[in-house]
Amino acid sequence: MNEKLANEVIRERGAIIDGAIVRVMKTNKDVAVSYAELSTKVMSMITMFKAQPQMIKTRIEALITNVYMRRDEKDRTKFWYVA
């Protein structure tokens, strides 16, 4: 029972982080957003729990895989929103 609950919490937090990342990326459609700026904004947006940098990094990678955003070709620490 505890493991099931823990997995549910992780899944829900992932969805909350995804939403925050997408909101930040949508507001910056025309510019590349650095990882540092993105993670700082996401951490400040989420008040329900303390978003850990590793969780944010994992969700960024998932959003890249699902083609919601992409890495900048010249600077791998920056990201672009994919409409």
C-alpha atoms as a PDB file:
ATOM      1  CA  MET A   1       0.000   0.000   0.000  1.00  0.00           C
ATOM      2  CA  ASN A   2       2.766   2.494   0.855  1.00  0.00           C
ATOM      3  CA  GLU A   3       4.632   1.809  -2.390  1.00  0.00           C
ATOM      4  CA  LYS A   4       1.454   2.363  -4.411  1.00  0.00           C
ATOM      5  CA  LEU A   5       0.812   5.660  -2.617  1.00  0.00           C
ATOM      6  CA  ALA A   6       4.420   6.787  -3.125  1.00  0.00           C
ATOM      7  CA  ASN A   7       4.213   6.053  -6.863  1.00  0.00           C
ATOM      8  CA  GLU A   8       0.954   8.008  -7.101  1.00  0.00           C
ATOM      9  CA  VAL A   9       2.524  11.005  -5.333  1.00  0.00           C
ATOM     10  CA  ILE A  10       5.542  10.905  -7.667  1.00  0.00           C
ATOM     11  CA  ARG A  11       3.253  10.729 -10.707  1.00  0.00           C
ATOM     12  CA  GLU A  12       1.109  13.642  -9.512  1.00  0.00           C
ATOM     13  CA  ARG A  13       4.137  15.770  -8.679  1.00  0.00           C
ATOM     14  CA  GLY A  14       5.552  15.009 -12.126  1.00  0.00           C
ATOM     15  CA  ALA A  15       2.351  16.310 -13.723  1.00  0.00           C
ATOM     16  CA  ILE A  16       2.510  19.488 -11.612  1.00  0.00           C
ATOM     17  CA  ILE A  17       6.153  20.050 -12.588  1.00  0.00           C
ATOM     18  CA  ASP A  18       5.333  19.380 -16.269  1.00  0.00           C
ATOM     19  CA  GLY A  19       2.596  22.008 -16.145  1.00  0.00           C
ATOM     20  CA  ALA A  20       4.899  24.591 -14.591  1.00  0.00           C
ATOM     21  CA  ILE A  21       7.665  23.895 -17.137  1.00  0.00           C
ATOM     22  CA  VAL A  22       5.252  24.194 -20.069  1.00  0.00           C
ATOM     23  CA  ARG A  23       3.831  27.473 -18.681  1.00  0.00           C
ATOM     24  CA  VAL A  24       7.331  28.963 -18.405  1.00  0.00           C
ATOM     25  CA  MET A  25       8.262  27.747 -21.880  1.00  0.00           C
ATOM     26  CA  LYS A  26       5.027  29.092 -23.438  1.00  0.00           C
ATOM     27  CA  THR A  27       5.610  32.549 -21.977  1.00  0.00           C
ATOM     28  CA  ASN A  28       9.091  32.505 -23.550  1.00  0.00           C
ATOM     29  CA  LYS A  29       8.151  31.077 -26.967  1.00  0.00           C
ATOM     30  CA  ASP A  30      10.432  33.420 -28.911  1.00  0.00           C
ATOM     31  CA  VAL A  31      13.581  33.015 -26.798  1.00  0.00           C
ATOM     32  CA  ALA A  32      15.652  30.137 -25.536  1.00  0.00           C
ATOM     33  CA  VAL A  33      15.351  29.563 -21.790  1.00  0.00           C
ATOM     34  CA  SER A  34      18.409  28.475 -19.824  1.00  0.00           C
ATOM     35  CA  TYR A  35      18.218  25.491 -17.497  1.00  0.00           C
ATOM     36  CA  ALA A  36      19.056  27.686 -14.491  1.00  0.00           C
ATOM     37  CA  GLU A  37      16.296  30.185 -15.304  1.00  0.00           C
ATOM     38  CA  LEU A  38      13.767  27.439 -16.035  1.00  0.00           C
ATOM     39  CA  SER A  39      14.431  25.506 -12.832  1.00  0.00           C
ATOM     40  CA  THR A  40      14.379  28.690 -10.710  1.00  0.00           C
ATOM     41  CA  LYS A  41      11.024  29.782 -12.169  1.00  0.00           C
ATOM     42  CA  VAL A  42       9.523  26.299 -11.789  1.00  0.00           C
ATOM     43  CA  MET A  43      10.651  26.071  -8.141  1.00  0.00           C
ATOM     44  CA  SER A  44       9.096  29.461  -7.381  1.00  0.00           C
ATOM     45  CA  MET A  45       5.806  28.534  -9.125  1.00  0.00           C
ATOM     46  CA  ILE A  46       5.260  25.306  -7.191  1.00  0.00           C
ATOM     47  CA  THR A  47       4.046  25.915  -3.655  1.00  0.00           C
ATOM     48  CA  MET A  48       2.420  22.544  -2.853  1.00  0.00           C
ATOM     49  CA  PHE A  49       5.789  20.853  -2.324  1.00  0.00           C
ATOM     50  CA  LYS A  50       9.485  21.638  -2.703  1.00  0.00           C
ATOM     51  CA  ALA A  51      10.390  20.654  -6.256  1.00  0.00           C
ATOM     52  CA  GLN A  52      13.828  19.050  -6.259  1.00  0.00           C
ATOM     53  CA  PRO A  53      16.282  19.950  -9.058  1.00  0.00           C
ATOM     54  CA  GLN A  54      16.637  16.270 -10.007  1.00  0.00           C
ATOM     55  CA  MET A  55      12.851  15.952 -10.394  1.00  0.00           C
ATOM     56  CA  ILE A  56      12.782  19.039 -12.619  1.00  0.00           C
ATOM     57  CA  LYS A  57      15.650  17.704 -14.717  1.00  0.00           C
ATOM     58  CA  THR A  58      13.873  14.359 -15.143  1.00  0.00           C
ATOM     59  CA  ARG A  59      10.645  16.067 -16.222  1.00  0.00           C
ATOM     60  CA  ILE A  60      12.535  18.308 -18.695  1.00  0.00           C
ATOM     61  CA  GLU A  61      14.030  15.200 -20.296  1.00  0.00           C
ATOM     62  CA  ALA A  62      10.552  13.620 -20.484  1.00  0.00           C
ATOM     63  CA  LEU A  63       9.124  16.746 -22.147  1.00  0.00           C
ATOM     64  CA  ILE A  64      11.998  16.744 -24.665  1.00  0.00           C
ATOM     65  CA  THR A  65      11.289  13.073 -25.412  1.00  0.00           C
ATOM     66  CA  ASN A  66       7.591  13.893 -25.892  1.00  0.00           C
ATOM     67  CA  VAL A  67       8.521  16.840 -28.178  1.00  0.00           C
ATOM     68  CA  TYR A  68       7.052  19.638 -26.044  1.00  0.00           C
ATOM     69  CA  MET A  69      10.454  21.334 -26.019  1.00  0.00           C
ATOM     70  CA  ARG A  70      13.903  20.901 -27.523  1.00  0.00           C
ATOM     71  CA  ARG A  71      17.507  21.720 -26.683  1.00  0.00           C
ATOM     72  CA  ASP A  72      19.225  24.623 -28.405  1.00  0.00           C
ATOM     73  CA  GLU A  73      21.595  23.337 -31.103  1.00  0.00           C
ATOM     74  CA  LYS A  74      24.438  25.684 -30.104  1.00  0.00           C
ATOM     75  CA  ASP A  75      23.988  25.860 -26.326  1.00  0.00           C
ATOM     76  CA  ARG A  76      22.901  22.564 -24.745  1.00  0.00           C
ATOM     77  CA  THR A  77      21.909  24.328 -21.490  1.00  0.00           C
ATOM     78  CA  LYS A  78      19.105  26.241 -23.234  1.00  0.00           C
ATOM     79  CA  PHE A  79      15.687  25.040 -24.315  1.00  0.00           C
ATOM     80  CA  TRP A  80      13.072  26.103 -26.885  1.00  0.00           C
ATOM     81  CA  TYR A  81       9.312  25.583 -26.662  1.00  0.00           C
ATOM     82  CA  VAL A  82       7.920  23.462 -29.506  1.00  0.00           C
ATOM     83  CA  ALA A  83       4.393  24.581 -30.425  1.00  0.00           C
END
